[in-house]
Amino acid sequence: MKLTGSAKTALAIALATVLYFGARGLMGGRGETAAAPESEKPFAVTVATVPPQPWLEEVRIRGRTQAFRKIRIEAETSGVVAATPVEPGTAVEAGAVLCALRPDAREAALREARAAYSKARLDHDAAIRLAKEGFRSETALASTRAALDLAKANLEQAEVAVGKTELKAPWAGTFDQRLTEIGAFLNVGDACGVLIQRSPFLVVGAVSEREVAKIAQGDEGSAVLSTGEKVEGVVRFVSKSSDAATRTFEVQLEVPNENGALRDGVTADITIAADRRNAHLVPRSTLIFDDRGRLGVRTVKPDDTVAFVEVKLLGETDSGVFVAGLEGAPRLITRGQDF
């Protein structure tokens, strides 16, 4: 079959077109193979080696100072106050007389009891000699012995009654308040004054349910008082039961007070060293979240590949944040970790 002139022309144009685009395709394929995709090109990041360092977890509590022991010196017998020999604020030793009552009839009763005891002792001694010579019976001797025991009991009772007229310090401390004056009448249970133990002292606060497990007896702590004083001590007591109203637990920090400078009831900010461990201090900007929502950082492994490491926040400082979860001294990406 013979082709017309126009058909030959169309066939030539079609063949030329196929050859042209085929050649471009071959040339384009070779160009794409030679040029690597932009996403596969490595890029530069900033890396810093982060060594571990000691980290101290602190529990902060609002509290107040409290005397280790504080009691009211109360009268055990009634009477008129005859003397108040100690001024408030004075340091006293155990046994010091803080207030004295008039003995009144108690002094006379004591002299009478002493005389009766002396007579009973003489009678009993005479009865013993006569019994040895056979002039007294065993019954008579027993009777004088009983009289002597009774006289001794009455004497001891009279001495105790007179002794109660002196209100004494049961232990060494500071006579903090005087609650009576000379000439006042005290009944049994009325107070002469208040005695505070000088040292040690307590700083008492309340800790929440979330943090009470972090504190243990013997932990070190410090307190800054509203007066500007700073004291250091150890945890003496952590309550095992919470306050029904606040659901908090009482914590007592025992501190020395040899110079007697601390006062009862002063507001204080308590800091307790709850936990010591090694941790890594990293810049806040290095913390990122992965696709699963986990908090972590990116590090460079020994083969120069990047790894995501999950971390746990421990605490903050002006220099950064302390985290747990890193081991050794990793190479941390500090710039470029978001790519």
C-alpha atoms as a PDB file:
ATOM      1  CA  MET A   1       0.000   0.000   0.000  1.00  0.00           C
ATOM      2  CA  LYS A   2       1.349   3.344  -0.968  1.00  0.00           C
ATOM      3  CA  LEU A   3       1.213   6.278   1.468  1.00  0.00           C
ATOM      4  CA  THR A   4       0.175   9.634   0.355  1.00  0.00           C
ATOM      5  CA  GLY A   5       2.459  12.582   0.802  1.00  0.00           C
ATOM      6  CA  SER A   6       0.527  13.977   3.755  1.00  0.00           C
ATOM      7  CA  ALA A   7       0.538  10.615   5.536  1.00  0.00           C
ATOM      8  CA  LYS A   8       4.289  10.352   5.122  1.00  0.00           C
ATOM      9  CA  THR A   9       4.697  13.774   6.591  1.00  0.00           C
ATOM     10  CA  ALA A  10       2.510  12.952   9.657  1.00  0.00           C
ATOM     11  CA  LEU A  11       4.375   9.695  10.275  1.00  0.00           C
ATOM     12  CA  ALA A  12       7.711  11.491  10.155  1.00  0.00           C
ATOM     13  CA  ILE A  13       6.537  14.114  12.645  1.00  0.00           C
ATOM     14  CA  ALA A  14       5.231  11.431  15.070  1.00  0.00           C
ATOM     15  CA  LEU A  15       8.486   9.468  14.874  1.00  0.00           C
ATOM     16  CA  ALA A  16      10.555  12.619  15.525  1.00  0.00           C
ATOM     17  CA  THR A  17       8.380  13.478  18.533  1.00  0.00           C
ATOM     18  CA  VAL A  18       8.832  10.009  20.101  1.00  0.00           C
ATOM     19  CA  LEU A  19      12.570  10.134  19.593  1.00  0.00           C
ATOM     20  CA  TYR A  20      12.798  13.663  21.149  1.00  0.00           C
ATOM     21  CA  PHE A  21      10.900  12.904  24.332  1.00  0.00           C
ATOM     22  CA  GLY A  22      12.610   9.544  24.704  1.00  0.00           C
ATOM     23  CA  ALA A  23      16.005  11.225  24.567  1.00  0.00           C
ATOM     24  CA  ARG A  24      14.923  13.847  27.199  1.00  0.00           C
ATOM     25  CA  GLY A  25      13.691  11.119  29.494  1.00  0.00           C
ATOM     26  CA  LEU A  26      16.991   9.309  29.348  1.00  0.00           C
ATOM     27  CA  MET A  27      18.928  12.495  29.977  1.00  0.00           C
ATOM     28  CA  GLY A  28      16.623  13.534  32.883  1.00  0.00           C
ATOM     29  CA  GLY A  29      16.926  10.151  34.616  1.00  0.00           C
ATOM     30  CA  ARG A  30      20.707  10.397  34.594  1.00  0.00           C
ATOM     31  CA  GLY A  31      20.500  13.900  36.174  1.00  0.00           C
ATOM     32  CA  GLU A  32      18.263  12.822  39.118  1.00  0.00           C
ATOM     33  CA  THR A  33      20.498   9.871  39.930  1.00  0.00           C
ATOM     34  CA  ALA A  34      23.503  12.097  40.137  1.00  0.00           C
ATOM     35  CA  ALA A  35      21.914  14.659  42.548  1.00  0.00           C
ATOM     36  CA  ALA A  36      21.036  13.384  46.095  1.00  0.00           C
ATOM     37  CA  PRO A  37      17.695  14.508  47.558  1.00  0.00           C
ATOM     38  CA  GLU A  38      17.926  17.553  49.849  1.00  0.00           C
ATOM     39  CA  SER A  39      16.448  15.555  52.810  1.00  0.00           C
ATOM     40  CA  GLU A  40      19.373  13.095  52.728  1.00  0.00           C
ATOM     41  CA  LYS A  41      22.048  15.746  53.106  1.00  0.00           C
ATOM     42  CA  PRO A  42      23.647  15.834  56.618  1.00  0.00           C
ATOM     43  CA  PHE A  43      23.389  19.106  58.560  1.00  0.00           C
ATOM     44  CA  ALA A  44      25.455  20.587  61.386  1.00  0.00           C
ATOM     45  CA  VAL A  45      24.313  20.643  65.047  1.00  0.00           C
ATOM     46  CA  THR A  46      25.870  22.005  68.231  1.00  0.00           C
ATOM     47  CA  VAL A  47      26.897  19.339  70.739  1.00  0.00           C
ATOM     48  CA  ALA A  48      27.993  19.612  74.385  1.00  0.00           C
ATOM     49  CA  THR A  49      29.244  16.868  76.702  1.00  0.00           C
ATOM     50  CA  VAL A  50      27.177  16.845  79.915  1.00  0.00           C
ATOM     51  CA  PRO A  51      28.835  15.067  82.869  1.00  0.00           C
ATOM     52  CA  PRO A  52      26.777  13.948  85.896  1.00  0.00           C
ATOM     53  CA  GLN A  53      26.973  15.995  89.080  1.00  0.00           C
ATOM     54  CA  PRO A  54      25.608  15.747  92.634  1.00  0.00           C
ATOM     55  CA  TRP A  55      21.982  16.799  92.969  1.00  0.00           C
ATOM     56  CA  LEU A  56      20.088  17.409  96.191  1.00  0.00           C
ATOM     57  CA  GLU A  57      16.306  17.286  96.312  1.00  0.00           C
ATOM     58  CA  GLU A  58      14.899  19.746  98.824  1.00  0.00           C
ATOM     59  CA  VAL A  59      11.506  19.842 100.524  1.00  0.00           C
ATOM     60  CA  ARG A  60      10.444  23.314 101.621  1.00  0.00           C
ATOM     61  CA  ILE A  61       8.029  23.783 104.519  1.00  0.00           C
ATOM     62  CA  ARG A  62       6.508  26.791 106.223  1.00  0.00           C
ATOM     63  CA  GLY A  63       6.654  26.457 110.012  1.00  0.00           C
ATOM     64  CA  ARG A  64       7.556  28.032 113.345  1.00  0.00           C
ATOM     65  CA  THR A  65       9.981  27.611 116.217  1.00  0.00           C
ATOM     66  CA  GLN A  66       8.842  25.673 119.264  1.00  0.00           C
ATOM     67  CA  ALA A  67      10.443  24.969 122.615  1.00  0.00           C
ATOM     68  CA  PHE A  68      11.526  21.352 123.068  1.00  0.00           C
ATOM     69  CA  ARG A  69       9.971  21.457 126.551  1.00  0.00           C
ATOM     70  CA  LYS A  70       7.760  24.218 127.940  1.00  0.00           C
ATOM     71  CA  ILE A  71       5.822  23.894 131.193  1.00  0.00           C
ATOM     72  CA  ARG A  72       3.929  25.967 133.733  1.00  0.00           C
ATOM     73  CA  ILE A  73       5.367  25.763 137.246  1.00  0.00           C
ATOM     74  CA  GLU A  74       2.227  25.162 139.311  1.00  0.00           C
ATOM     75  CA  ALA A  75       1.638  25.187 143.057  1.00  0.00           C
ATOM     76  CA  GLU A  76       1.118  21.824 144.778  1.00  0.00           C
ATOM     77  CA  THR A  77      -0.159  23.495 147.961  1.00  0.00           C
ATOM     78  CA  SER A  78      -2.035  26.700 148.702  1.00  0.00           C
ATOM     79  CA  GLY A  79      -0.503  29.773 150.276  1.00  0.00           C
ATOM     80  CA  VAL A  80       0.545  33.392 149.951  1.00  0.00           C
ATOM     81  CA  VAL A  81       3.515  34.178 147.685  1.00  0.00           C
ATOM     82  CA  ALA A  82       6.407  35.298 149.900  1.00  0.00           C
ATOM     83  CA  ALA A  83       9.205  35.644 147.304  1.00  0.00           C
ATOM     84  CA  THR A  84       9.870  35.643 143.561  1.00  0.00           C
ATOM     85  CA  PRO A  85      13.670  35.390 143.469  1.00  0.00           C
ATOM     86  CA  VAL A  86      14.094  34.858 139.691  1.00  0.00           C
ATOM     87  CA  GLU A  87      13.521  37.551 137.072  1.00  0.00           C
ATOM     88  CA  PRO A  88      11.853  36.601 133.745  1.00  0.00           C
ATOM     89  CA  GLY A  89      14.361  35.740 131.034  1.00  0.00           C
ATOM     90  CA  THR A  90      16.906  34.378 133.483  1.00  0.00           C
ATOM     91  CA  ALA A  91      18.661  31.064 132.830  1.00  0.00           C
ATOM     92  CA  VAL A  92      18.217  28.739 135.809  1.00  0.00           C
ATOM     93  CA  GLU A  93      19.607  25.376 136.854  1.00  0.00           C
ATOM     94  CA  ALA A  94      17.570  22.359 137.935  1.00  0.00           C
ATOM     95  CA  GLY A  95      16.308  22.845 141.507  1.00  0.00           C
ATOM     96  CA  ALA A  96      16.342  26.655 141.425  1.00  0.00           C
ATOM     97  CA  VAL A  97      13.513  28.237 143.505  1.00  0.00           C
ATOM     98  CA  LEU A  98      11.272  30.234 141.179  1.00  0.00           C
ATOM     99  CA  CYS A  99       8.573  31.206 143.705  1.00  0.00           C
ATOM    100  CA  ALA A 100       8.247  30.694 147.476  1.00  0.00           C
ATOM    101  CA  LEU A 101       5.058  30.554 149.572  1.00  0.00           C
ATOM    102  CA  ARG A 102       4.785  31.500 153.243  1.00  0.00           C
ATOM    103  CA  PRO A 103       5.130  28.332 155.360  1.00  0.00           C
ATOM    104  CA  ASP A 104       2.584  29.562 157.925  1.00  0.00           C
ATOM    105  CA  ALA A 105       1.426  26.662 160.116  1.00  0.00           C
ATOM    106  CA  ARG A 106       3.393  24.142 158.078  1.00  0.00           C
ATOM    107  CA  GLU A 107       6.642  25.283 159.723  1.00  0.00           C
ATOM    108  CA  ALA A 108       5.162  24.763 163.210  1.00  0.00           C
ATOM    109  CA  ALA A 109       3.850  21.342 162.168  1.00  0.00           C
ATOM    110  CA  LEU A 110       7.343  20.421 161.031  1.00  0.00           C
ATOM    111  CA  ARG A 111       8.908  21.395 164.369  1.00  0.00           C
ATOM    112  CA  GLU A 112       6.240  19.398 166.195  1.00  0.00           C
ATOM    113  CA  ALA A 113       6.872  16.354 163.996  1.00  0.00           C
ATOM    114  CA  ARG A 114      10.609  16.567 164.636  1.00  0.00           C
ATOM    115  CA  ALA A 115      10.077  16.703 168.395  1.00  0.00           C
ATOM    116  CA  ALA A 116       7.675  13.760 168.300  1.00  0.00           C
ATOM    117  CA  TYR A 117      10.131  11.747 166.260  1.00  0.00           C
ATOM    118  CA  SER A 118      12.986  12.476 168.690  1.00  0.00           C
ATOM    119  CA  LYS A 119      10.859  11.373 171.665  1.00  0.00           C
ATOM    120  CA  ALA A 120       9.696   8.199 169.899  1.00  0.00           C
ATOM    121  CA  ARG A 121      13.291   7.293 169.025  1.00  0.00           C
ATOM    122  CA  LEU A 122      14.437   7.777 172.646  1.00  0.00           C
ATOM    123  CA  ASP A 123      11.535   5.661 173.937  1.00  0.00           C
ATOM    124  CA  HIS A 124      12.330   2.881 171.489  1.00  0.00           C
ATOM    125  CA  ASP A 125      16.055   2.913 172.331  1.00  0.00           C
ATOM    126  CA  ALA A 126      15.207   2.665 176.049  1.00  0.00           C
ATOM    127  CA  ALA A 127      12.794  -0.181 175.389  1.00  0.00           C
ATOM    128  CA  ILE A 128      15.517  -2.080 173.514  1.00  0.00           C
ATOM    129  CA  ARG A 129      17.925  -1.810 176.491  1.00  0.00           C
ATOM    130  CA  LEU A 130      15.248  -2.869 178.991  1.00  0.00           C
ATOM    131  CA  ALA A 131      14.226  -5.793 176.785  1.00  0.00           C
ATOM    132  CA  LYS A 132      17.836  -7.009 176.701  1.00  0.00           C
ATOM    133  CA  GLU A 133      17.895  -6.930 180.553  1.00  0.00           C
ATOM    134  CA  GLY A 134      14.564  -8.712 180.743  1.00  0.00           C
ATOM    135  CA  PHE A 135      12.548  -5.742 182.039  1.00  0.00           C
ATOM    136  CA  ARG A 136      10.442  -5.257 178.887  1.00  0.00           C
ATOM    137  CA  SER A 137       8.336  -7.716 176.979  1.00  0.00           C
ATOM    138  CA  GLU A 138       8.462  -8.260 173.250  1.00  0.00           C
ATOM    139  CA  THR A 139       4.987  -6.742 172.994  1.00  0.00           C
ATOM    140  CA  ALA A 140       6.094  -3.518 174.683  1.00  0.00           C
ATOM    141  CA  LEU A 141       9.160  -3.364 172.445  1.00  0.00           C
ATOM    142  CA  ALA A 142       6.981  -3.758 169.340  1.00  0.00           C
ATOM    143  CA  SER A 143       4.706  -0.986 170.580  1.00  0.00           C
ATOM    144  CA  THR A 144       7.583   1.509 170.852  1.00  0.00           C
ATOM    145  CA  ARG A 145       8.792   0.451 167.408  1.00  0.00           C
ATOM    146  CA  ALA A 146       5.366   1.185 165.925  1.00  0.00           C
ATOM    147  CA  ALA A 147       5.289   4.572 167.639  1.00  0.00           C
ATOM    148  CA  LEU A 148       8.717   5.389 166.174  1.00  0.00           C
ATOM    149  CA  ASP A 149       7.578   4.421 162.641  1.00  0.00           C
ATOM    150  CA  LEU A 150       4.475   6.592 162.975  1.00  0.00           C
ATOM    151  CA  ALA A 151       6.509   9.563 164.210  1.00  0.00           C
ATOM    152  CA  LYS A 152       8.920   9.139 161.266  1.00  0.00           C
ATOM    153  CA  ALA A 153       6.033   9.068 158.770  1.00  0.00           C
ATOM    154  CA  ASN A 154       4.545  12.235 160.310  1.00  0.00           C
ATOM    155  CA  LEU A 155       7.941  13.944 160.083  1.00  0.00           C
ATOM    156  CA  GLU A 156       8.340  13.042 156.410  1.00  0.00           C
ATOM    157  CA  GLN A 157       4.841  14.302 155.685  1.00  0.00           C
ATOM    158  CA  ALA A 158       5.577  17.608 157.423  1.00  0.00           C
ATOM    159  CA  GLU A 159       8.847  17.985 155.490  1.00  0.00           C
ATOM    160  CA  VAL A 160       7.038  17.394 152.182  1.00  0.00           C
ATOM    161  CA  ALA A 161       4.396  20.007 153.089  1.00  0.00           C
ATOM    162  CA  VAL A 162       7.084  22.597 153.820  1.00  0.00           C
ATOM    163  CA  GLY A 163       9.025  21.614 150.693  1.00  0.00           C
ATOM    164  CA  LYS A 164       5.966  22.285 148.536  1.00  0.00           C
ATOM    165  CA  THR A 165       6.082  25.935 149.554  1.00  0.00           C
ATOM    166  CA  GLU A 166       9.104  26.298 147.249  1.00  0.00           C
ATOM    167  CA  LEU A 167       8.252  26.023 143.548  1.00  0.00           C
ATOM    168  CA  LYS A 168      11.459  24.771 141.880  1.00  0.00           C
ATOM    169  CA  ALA A 169      12.676  24.240 138.332  1.00  0.00           C
ATOM    170  CA  PRO A 170      12.526  20.506 137.483  1.00  0.00           C
ATOM    171  CA  TRP A 171      15.301  20.927 134.868  1.00  0.00           C
ATOM    172  CA  ALA A 172      17.665  23.595 133.580  1.00  0.00           C
ATOM    173  CA  GLY A 173      16.103  26.203 131.312  1.00  0.00           C
ATOM    174  CA  THR A 174      14.958  29.790 131.000  1.00  0.00           C
ATOM    175  CA  PHE A 175      12.354  31.294 133.342  1.00  0.00           C
ATOM    176  CA  ASP A 176      10.263  32.805 130.566  1.00  0.00           C
ATOM    177  CA  GLN A 177       7.263  34.358 132.329  1.00  0.00           C
ATOM    178  CA  ARG A 178       6.285  35.242 135.873  1.00  0.00           C
ATOM    179  CA  LEU A 179       2.575  34.739 136.404  1.00  0.00           C
ATOM    180  CA  THR A 180       2.258  35.855 140.036  1.00  0.00           C
ATOM    181  CA  GLU A 181       3.602  38.489 142.418  1.00  0.00           C
ATOM    182  CA  ILE A 182       4.502  38.745 146.099  1.00  0.00           C
ATOM    183  CA  GLY A 183       1.372  38.836 148.231  1.00  0.00           C
ATOM    184  CA  ALA A 184      -0.812  36.935 145.767  1.00  0.00           C
ATOM    185  CA  PHE A 185      -2.609  33.818 147.001  1.00  0.00           C
ATOM    186  CA  LEU A 186      -2.062  30.618 145.029  1.00  0.00           C
ATOM    187  CA  ASN A 187      -4.382  27.648 145.128  1.00  0.00           C
ATOM    188  CA  VAL A 188      -3.298  24.167 144.143  1.00  0.00           C
ATOM    189  CA  GLY A 189      -2.708  24.222 140.374  1.00  0.00           C
ATOM    190  CA  ASP A 190      -2.173  27.985 140.087  1.00  0.00           C
ATOM    191  CA  ALA A 191       0.954  28.920 138.097  1.00  0.00           C
ATOM    192  CA  CYS A 192       4.018  30.739 139.351  1.00  0.00           C
ATOM    193  CA  GLY A 193       5.535  31.097 135.874  1.00  0.00           C
ATOM    194  CA  VAL A 194       6.636  29.389 132.645  1.00  0.00           C
ATOM    195  CA  LEU A 195       9.888  27.470 132.211  1.00  0.00           C
ATOM    196  CA  ILE A 196      11.374  26.772 128.752  1.00  0.00           C
ATOM    197  CA  GLN A 197      14.176  24.311 128.052  1.00  0.00           C
ATOM    198  CA  ARG A 198      17.106  26.222 126.619  1.00  0.00           C
ATOM    199  CA  SER A 199      18.533  23.632 124.232  1.00  0.00           C
ATOM    200  CA  PRO A 200      17.738  21.875 121.953  1.00  0.00           C
ATOM    201  CA  PHE A 201      14.936  23.775 120.216  1.00  0.00           C
ATOM    202  CA  LEU A 202      12.443  22.649 117.578  1.00  0.00           C
ATOM    203  CA  VAL A 203      11.326  24.092 114.254  1.00  0.00           C
ATOM    204  CA  VAL A 204       7.940  22.556 113.443  1.00  0.00           C
ATOM    205  CA  GLY A 205       6.055  22.521 110.126  1.00  0.00           C
ATOM    206  CA  ALA A 206       3.497  20.547 108.134  1.00  0.00           C
ATOM    207  CA  VAL A 207       4.273  18.673 104.909  1.00  0.00           C
ATOM    208  CA  SER A 208       1.804  17.539 102.241  1.00  0.00           C
ATOM    209  CA  GLU A 209       0.784  13.971 101.456  1.00  0.00           C
ATOM    210  CA  ARG A 210       2.812  14.026  98.224  1.00  0.00           C
ATOM    211  CA  GLU A 211       6.091  14.926  99.936  1.00  0.00           C
ATOM    212  CA  VAL A 212       5.920  13.236 103.352  1.00  0.00           C
ATOM    213  CA  ALA A 213       7.412  10.011 101.940  1.00  0.00           C
ATOM    214  CA  LYS A 214      10.542  11.932 100.896  1.00  0.00           C
ATOM    215  CA  ILE A 215      11.424  12.843 104.501  1.00  0.00           C
ATOM    216  CA  ALA A 216      12.858  10.478 107.122  1.00  0.00           C
ATOM    217  CA  GLN A 217      14.091  10.790 110.668  1.00  0.00           C
ATOM    218  CA  GLY A 218      17.748  11.861 110.671  1.00  0.00           C
ATOM    219  CA  ASP A 219      17.594  13.892 107.429  1.00  0.00           C
ATOM    220  CA  GLU A 220      19.556  17.123 107.518  1.00  0.00           C
ATOM    221  CA  GLY A 221      17.731  20.424 107.328  1.00  0.00           C
ATOM    222  CA  SER A 222      17.940  24.145 107.928  1.00  0.00           C
ATOM    223  CA  ALA A 223      15.540  26.961 108.726  1.00  0.00           C
ATOM    224  CA  VAL A 224      15.555  30.693 108.104  1.00  0.00           C
ATOM    225  CA  LEU A 225      13.580  32.575 110.746  1.00  0.00           C
ATOM    226  CA  SER A 226      11.597  35.737 110.142  1.00  0.00           C
ATOM    227  CA  THR A 227      14.052  37.431 112.526  1.00  0.00           C
ATOM    228  CA  GLY A 228      16.857  36.770 110.010  1.00  0.00           C
ATOM    229  CA  GLU A 229      18.514  33.980 111.980  1.00  0.00           C
ATOM    230  CA  LYS A 230      19.514  30.752 110.233  1.00  0.00           C
ATOM    231  CA  VAL A 231      19.768  27.451 112.090  1.00  0.00           C
ATOM    232  CA  GLU A 232      20.709  23.924 111.028  1.00  0.00           C
ATOM    233  CA  GLY A 233      19.728  20.577 112.497  1.00  0.00           C
ATOM    234  CA  VAL A 234      18.273  17.132 111.822  1.00  0.00           C
ATOM    235  CA  VAL A 235      14.749  15.794 111.462  1.00  0.00           C
ATOM    236  CA  ARG A 236      13.695  14.488 114.887  1.00  0.00           C
ATOM    237  CA  PHE A 237      10.133  13.415 114.142  1.00  0.00           C
ATOM    238  CA  VAL A 238       7.829  12.755 111.161  1.00  0.00           C
ATOM    239  CA  SER A 239       4.185  12.156 112.044  1.00  0.00           C
ATOM    240  CA  LYS A 240       2.611   8.847 111.063  1.00  0.00           C
ATOM    241  CA  SER A 241      -0.920  10.291 111.028  1.00  0.00           C
ATOM    242  CA  SER A 242      -2.196  13.349 109.176  1.00  0.00           C
ATOM    243  CA  ASP A 243      -4.134  16.297 110.477  1.00  0.00           C
ATOM    244  CA  ALA A 244      -7.819  15.556 109.885  1.00  0.00           C
ATOM    245  CA  ALA A 245      -8.543  19.086 108.642  1.00  0.00           C
ATOM    246  CA  THR A 246      -5.521  19.792 106.421  1.00  0.00           C
ATOM    247  CA  ARG A 247      -4.348  16.259 105.508  1.00  0.00           C
ATOM    248  CA  THR A 248      -0.778  17.303 106.299  1.00  0.00           C
ATOM    249  CA  PHE A 249       1.869  15.602 108.426  1.00  0.00           C
ATOM    250  CA  GLU A 250       3.875  17.268 111.192  1.00  0.00           C
ATOM    251  CA  VAL A 251       7.657  17.405 110.828  1.00  0.00           C
ATOM    252  CA  GLN A 252      10.014  18.477 113.637  1.00  0.00           C
ATOM    253  CA  LEU A 253      13.527  19.757 112.960  1.00  0.00           C
ATOM    254  CA  GLU A 254      15.747  19.663 116.070  1.00  0.00           C
ATOM    255  CA  VAL A 255      18.315  22.477 116.247  1.00  0.00           C
ATOM    256  CA  PRO A 256      20.876  23.501 118.907  1.00  0.00           C
ATOM    257  CA  ASN A 257      20.278  26.622 121.003  1.00  0.00           C
ATOM    258  CA  GLU A 258      23.163  26.726 123.450  1.00  0.00           C
ATOM    259  CA  ASN A 259      23.268  30.516 123.532  1.00  0.00           C
ATOM    260  CA  GLY A 260      19.521  30.763 124.179  1.00  0.00           C
ATOM    261  CA  ALA A 261      18.977  33.135 121.242  1.00  0.00           C
ATOM    262  CA  LEU A 262      15.943  31.328 119.766  1.00  0.00           C
ATOM    263  CA  ARG A 263      12.408  32.313 120.744  1.00  0.00           C
ATOM    264  CA  ASP A 264       9.294  30.198 120.869  1.00  0.00           C
ATOM    265  CA  GLY A 265       6.716  30.806 118.109  1.00  0.00           C
ATOM    266  CA  VAL A 266       8.814  32.592 115.443  1.00  0.00           C
ATOM    267  CA  THR A 267       7.809  31.994 111.793  1.00  0.00           C
ATOM    268  CA  ALA A 268      10.378  29.978 109.818  1.00  0.00           C
ATOM    269  CA  ASP A 269      11.025  28.668 106.302  1.00  0.00           C
ATOM    270  CA  ILE A 270      12.297  25.089 106.620  1.00  0.00           C
ATOM    271  CA  THR A 271      14.390  23.320 103.975  1.00  0.00           C
ATOM    272  CA  ILE A 272      14.988  19.578 104.340  1.00  0.00           C
ATOM    273  CA  ALA A 273      17.525  17.641 102.256  1.00  0.00           C
ATOM    274  CA  ALA A 274      15.289  14.791 101.166  1.00  0.00           C
ATOM    275  CA  ASP A 275      17.338  12.926  98.528  1.00  0.00           C
ATOM    276  CA  ARG A 276      20.916  12.911  97.216  1.00  0.00           C
ATOM    277  CA  ARG A 277      21.853  11.431  93.836  1.00  0.00           C
ATOM    278  CA  ASN A 278      23.782  12.093  90.624  1.00  0.00           C
ATOM    279  CA  ALA A 279      21.872  13.889  87.875  1.00  0.00           C
ATOM    280  CA  HIS A 280      22.525  15.880  84.685  1.00  0.00           C
ATOM    281  CA  LEU A 281      22.078  19.625  84.427  1.00  0.00           C
ATOM    282  CA  VAL A 282      20.834  20.477  80.918  1.00  0.00           C
ATOM    283  CA  PRO A 283      19.614  23.735  79.310  1.00  0.00           C
ATOM    284  CA  ARG A 284      15.829  24.107  79.261  1.00  0.00           C
ATOM    285  CA  SER A 285      15.936  24.609  75.475  1.00  0.00           C
ATOM    286  CA  THR A 286      17.212  21.053  74.920  1.00  0.00           C
ATOM    287  CA  LEU A 287      14.021  19.450  76.220  1.00  0.00           C
ATOM    288  CA  ILE A 288      11.697  18.201  73.491  1.00  0.00           C
ATOM    289  CA  PHE A 289       8.720  15.856  73.081  1.00  0.00           C
ATOM    290  CA  ASP A 290       8.817  12.877  70.720  1.00  0.00           C
ATOM    291  CA  ASP A 291       5.933  11.631  68.573  1.00  0.00           C
ATOM    292  CA  ARG A 292       4.557   9.665  71.537  1.00  0.00           C
ATOM    293  CA  GLY A 293       4.514  12.722  73.793  1.00  0.00           C
ATOM    294  CA  ARG A 294       7.488  11.632  75.935  1.00  0.00           C
ATOM    295  CA  LEU A 295       9.792  14.298  77.349  1.00  0.00           C
ATOM    296  CA  GLY A 296      13.453  13.853  76.513  1.00  0.00           C
ATOM    297  CA  VAL A 297      16.605  15.119  74.816  1.00  0.00           C
ATOM    298  CA  ARG A 298      18.532  14.205  71.681  1.00  0.00           C
ATOM    299  CA  THR A 299      22.079  12.903  71.976  1.00  0.00           C
ATOM    300  CA  VAL A 300      24.804  11.905  69.535  1.00  0.00           C
ATOM    301  CA  LYS A 301      25.907   8.291  69.816  1.00  0.00           C
ATOM    302  CA  PRO A 302      29.527   7.158  69.306  1.00  0.00           C
ATOM    303  CA  ASP A 303      28.810   6.383  65.624  1.00  0.00           C
ATOM    304  CA  ASP A 304      27.616   9.992  65.128  1.00  0.00           C
ATOM    305  CA  THR A 305      23.967   9.036  64.798  1.00  0.00           C
ATOM    306  CA  VAL A 306      21.226  10.774  66.769  1.00  0.00           C
ATOM    307  CA  ALA A 307      19.225   9.102  69.566  1.00  0.00           C
ATOM    308  CA  PHE A 308      16.219  10.281  71.567  1.00  0.00           C
ATOM    309  CA  VAL A 309      16.545   9.637  75.322  1.00  0.00           C
ATOM    310  CA  GLU A 310      13.546   9.966  77.634  1.00  0.00           C
ATOM    311  CA  VAL A 311      14.263  11.924  80.843  1.00  0.00           C
ATOM    312  CA  LYS A 312      12.501  12.828  84.087  1.00  0.00           C
ATOM    313  CA  LEU A 313      12.561  16.332  85.546  1.00  0.00           C
ATOM    314  CA  LEU A 314      14.022  16.526  89.056  1.00  0.00           C
ATOM    315  CA  GLY A 315      14.403  20.244  89.744  1.00  0.00           C
ATOM    316  CA  GLU A 316      15.191  23.669  88.360  1.00  0.00           C
ATOM    317  CA  THR A 317      18.016  26.142  88.841  1.00  0.00           C
ATOM    318  CA  ASP A 318      18.983  29.425  87.227  1.00  0.00           C
ATOM    319  CA  SER A 319      21.435  27.481  85.024  1.00  0.00           C
ATOM    320  CA  GLY A 320      18.975  24.916  83.714  1.00  0.00           C
ATOM    321  CA  VAL A 321      17.087  21.833  84.824  1.00  0.00           C
ATOM    322  CA  PHE A 322      18.263  18.671  86.543  1.00  0.00           C
ATOM    323  CA  VAL A 323      17.059  15.494  84.813  1.00  0.00           C
ATOM    324  CA  ALA A 324      17.272  11.768  85.468  1.00  0.00           C
ATOM    325  CA  GLY A 325      17.539   9.131  82.744  1.00  0.00           C
ATOM    326  CA  LEU A 326      20.887   9.969  81.177  1.00  0.00           C
ATOM    327  CA  GLU A 327      23.913   7.773  81.804  1.00  0.00           C
ATOM    328  CA  GLY A 328      27.568   8.653  81.890  1.00  0.00           C
ATOM    329  CA  ALA A 329      28.565  11.860  80.116  1.00  0.00           C
ATOM    330  CA  PRO A 330      26.421  11.933  76.951  1.00  0.00           C
ATOM    331  CA  ARG A 331      26.966  14.251  73.986  1.00  0.00           C
ATOM    332  CA  LEU A 332      23.852  16.389  74.133  1.00  0.00           C
ATOM    333  CA  ILE A 333      22.551  18.282  71.108  1.00  0.00           C
ATOM    334  CA  THR A 334      22.066  21.848  72.304  1.00  0.00           C
ATOM    335  CA  ARG A 335      21.247  23.416  68.928  1.00  0.00           C
ATOM    336  CA  GLY A 336      19.544  21.704  66.002  1.00  0.00           C
ATOM    337  CA  GLN A 337      17.703  19.119  68.099  1.00  0.00           C
ATOM    338  CA  ASP A 338      14.347  20.141  66.588  1.00  0.00           C
ATOM    339  CA  PHE A 339      15.296  19.143  62.991  1.00  0.00           C
END
